[in-house]
Protein backbone atom coordinates (compact mmCIF):
# COMPACT_ATOMS: atom_id res chain seq x y z
CA MET A 1 42.60 114.59 64.42
CA SER A 2 45.57 116.63 63.30
CA HIS A 3 45.19 119.58 60.97
CA SER A 4 48.36 120.55 59.18
CA ASN A 5 46.51 123.51 57.69
CA ILE A 6 45.06 125.62 60.50
CA LYS A 7 43.08 127.64 57.97
CA SER A 8 41.09 124.54 56.98
CA VAL A 9 39.59 124.16 60.47
CA ALA A 10 35.91 125.06 60.64
CA VAL A 11 35.24 127.98 62.99
CA ASN A 12 32.37 130.34 63.70
CA ALA A 13 32.45 134.08 64.11
CA LEU A 14 31.44 135.56 67.46
CA ASP A 15 27.86 135.88 66.22
CA GLY A 16 27.71 132.16 65.47
CA SER A 17 27.91 132.43 61.69
CA PRO A 18 30.50 130.35 59.81
CA PHE A 19 33.85 132.13 59.44
CA ASP A 20 36.31 131.09 56.76
CA LEU A 21 39.89 131.34 58.02
CA ALA A 22 41.12 130.36 54.54
CA ALA A 23 39.63 133.60 53.19
CA LEU A 24 42.31 135.42 55.21
CA THR A 25 45.17 135.25 52.75
CA GLY A 26 48.05 136.39 54.95
CA PRO A 27 49.42 135.16 58.27
CA LEU A 28 47.22 134.96 61.36
CA LEU A 29 47.93 135.76 64.99
CA ILE A 30 45.41 133.64 66.89
CA VAL A 31 44.87 134.56 70.53
CA ASN A 32 42.53 133.19 73.19
CA VAL A 33 41.06 136.31 74.74
CA ALA A 34 39.11 137.29 77.85
CA SER A 35 37.47 140.50 79.04
CA LYS A 36 38.17 140.24 82.78
CA CYS A 37 41.79 139.12 82.90
CA GLY A 38 44.84 140.92 84.22
CA LEU A 39 46.22 140.54 80.70
CA THR A 40 43.13 142.05 79.03
CA PRO A 41 45.00 145.31 78.30
CA GLN A 42 46.93 143.27 75.70
CA TYR A 43 43.94 144.03 73.46
CA THR A 44 45.50 147.46 72.95
CA ALA A 45 48.72 146.02 71.51
CA LEU A 46 46.82 143.37 69.53
CA GLU A 47 44.72 146.06 67.88
CA GLN A 48 47.87 148.06 67.18
CA LEU A 49 49.41 145.01 65.47
CA GLN A 50 46.24 144.73 63.36
CA LYS A 51 46.47 148.41 62.39
CA THR A 52 50.21 148.23 61.63
CA TYR A 53 50.41 144.88 59.86
CA GLY A 54 46.85 144.39 58.64
CA PRO A 55 47.53 146.38 55.47
CA LYS A 56 50.49 144.02 54.83
CA GLY A 57 48.31 140.92 55.25
CA LEU A 58 48.28 140.00 58.94
CA THR A 59 44.97 139.23 60.63
CA VAL A 60 44.73 139.03 64.41
CA VAL A 61 42.01 136.51 65.34
CA GLY A 62 40.62 136.37 68.88
CA MET A 63 38.82 133.38 70.39
CA PRO A 64 37.10 134.23 73.66
CA CYS A 65 37.43 131.51 76.27
CA ASN A 66 35.95 131.23 79.75
CA GLN A 67 38.16 128.38 80.99
CA PHE A 68 40.56 130.46 83.06
CA MET A 69 38.91 131.45 86.34
CA GLY A 70 35.72 132.43 84.51
CA GLN A 71 37.30 135.55 83.06
CA GLU A 72 35.12 135.57 79.94
CA PRO A 73 31.59 135.09 81.32
CA GLY A 74 29.87 137.36 78.80
CA THR A 75 27.51 136.59 75.97
CA ALA A 76 28.71 137.07 72.42
CA GLU A 77 27.02 140.47 72.37
CA GLU A 78 28.63 141.54 75.66
CA ILE A 79 32.06 140.44 74.45
CA ALA A 80 31.65 142.29 71.14
CA THR A 81 30.53 145.47 72.91
CA PHE A 82 33.34 145.29 75.46
CA CYS A 83 36.02 144.78 72.79
CA SER A 84 34.81 147.56 70.55
CA THR A 85 34.06 150.13 73.24
CA SER A 86 36.98 149.41 75.58
CA TYR A 87 39.73 148.66 73.08
CA GLY A 88 38.40 149.64 69.65
CA VAL A 89 38.96 146.10 68.41
CA THR A 90 38.55 145.79 64.66
CA PHE A 91 40.02 142.31 64.18
CA PRO A 92 37.71 139.28 63.94
CA LEU A 93 36.53 137.51 67.07
CA LEU A 94 35.43 133.90 66.94
CA GLU A 95 32.70 132.16 68.89
CA LYS A 96 33.53 131.56 72.55
CA ALA A 97 35.01 128.08 72.95
CA ASP A 98 37.14 125.81 75.11
CA VAL A 99 40.86 125.78 74.31
CA ASN A 100 41.77 122.96 76.71
CA GLY A 101 40.22 119.71 77.86
CA ALA A 102 37.72 117.24 76.43
CA ASP A 103 35.71 119.88 74.59
CA ARG A 104 38.74 121.70 73.20
CA HIS A 105 37.88 123.41 69.91
CA PRO A 106 39.45 121.63 66.89
CA LEU A 107 41.33 124.85 66.12
CA TYR A 108 43.09 124.59 69.48
CA ALA A 109 43.56 120.84 69.17
CA ALA A 110 45.72 121.69 66.16
CA LEU A 111 47.38 124.82 67.56
CA THR A 112 48.43 123.23 70.86
CA GLU A 113 50.55 120.68 69.00
CA LYS A 114 52.99 123.58 68.48
CA ALA A 115 55.76 124.03 71.03
CA ASP A 116 56.77 127.43 72.38
CA ALA A 117 60.34 128.77 72.41
CA ASP A 118 61.13 126.54 75.41
CA GLY A 119 59.93 123.44 73.58
CA GLU A 120 56.70 123.16 75.56
CA ALA A 121 53.63 122.07 73.62
CA GLY A 122 50.22 121.08 74.95
CA ASP A 123 47.64 122.94 76.97
CA ILE A 124 47.06 126.67 76.83
CA ALA A 125 48.55 128.21 79.97
CA TRP A 126 46.18 131.16 80.38
CA ASN A 127 44.30 133.86 78.47
CA PHE A 128 46.17 135.67 75.71
CA GLU A 129 48.40 132.85 74.50
CA LYS A 130 49.41 133.72 70.94
CA PHE A 131 49.93 131.52 67.88
CA LEU A 132 51.41 132.80 64.65
CA VAL A 133 50.09 130.92 61.64
CA SER A 134 51.71 131.33 58.22
CA ALA A 135 49.82 132.43 55.12
CA ASP A 136 49.63 128.78 54.06
CA GLY A 137 48.11 127.69 57.37
CA GLU A 138 51.11 126.25 59.21
CA THR A 139 51.59 127.10 62.90
CA ILE A 140 55.02 128.73 62.99
CA ALA A 141 55.36 130.24 66.45
CA ARG A 142 53.79 130.14 69.90
CA PHE A 143 54.05 132.87 72.50
CA ARG A 144 52.90 132.43 76.09
CA PRO A 145 50.35 134.74 77.71
CA ARG A 146 52.78 137.07 79.44
CA THR A 147 54.64 137.79 76.22
CA GLU A 148 53.25 141.15 75.13
CA PRO A 149 51.80 141.23 71.60
CA ASP A 150 54.28 143.94 70.64
CA ALA A 151 57.31 142.20 72.18
CA PRO A 152 60.33 142.22 69.82
CA GLU A 153 60.22 138.47 69.27
CA VAL A 154 56.54 138.58 68.30
CA VAL A 155 57.01 141.52 65.95
CA ALA A 156 60.05 139.87 64.37
CA ALA A 157 58.11 136.64 63.80
CA ILE A 158 55.19 138.54 62.25
CA GLU A 159 57.49 140.52 59.97
CA ALA A 160 59.24 137.32 58.89
CA ALA A 161 55.86 135.71 58.11
CA LEU A 162 54.62 138.61 55.96
């Protein structure tokens, strides 16, 4: 099932309650996150993007995922506590879900149709893969995990989307 509008996909917040992506009027930067990954410090730059561009309409959205070497084993409560105390995360976190495989969340079924700068679509490579979604719900860019959230190409894409 293909979703042209990412914002129409049903998702839940970290606490399990329904979360309406369509209520977020500006562009989204959707990232699969994990608390025990070598890339976890990217939370710092993600939060900075939220602080810098949030007032202009950007929302960073994190989806915890435990599919990469079990690097997100925590409960929803543990994840929330870790993110707020370790990185001061203020952006929304969604319910932990699979981003690859048979039980892939519908949000990621839609996102992974998007190719990265090298033309590669398909499975998420690792934690902290980033998708930029336009205000109208179209996936416009994909950045692989090792691309820092504040890399020039990411910032340029965000600024163009605002």
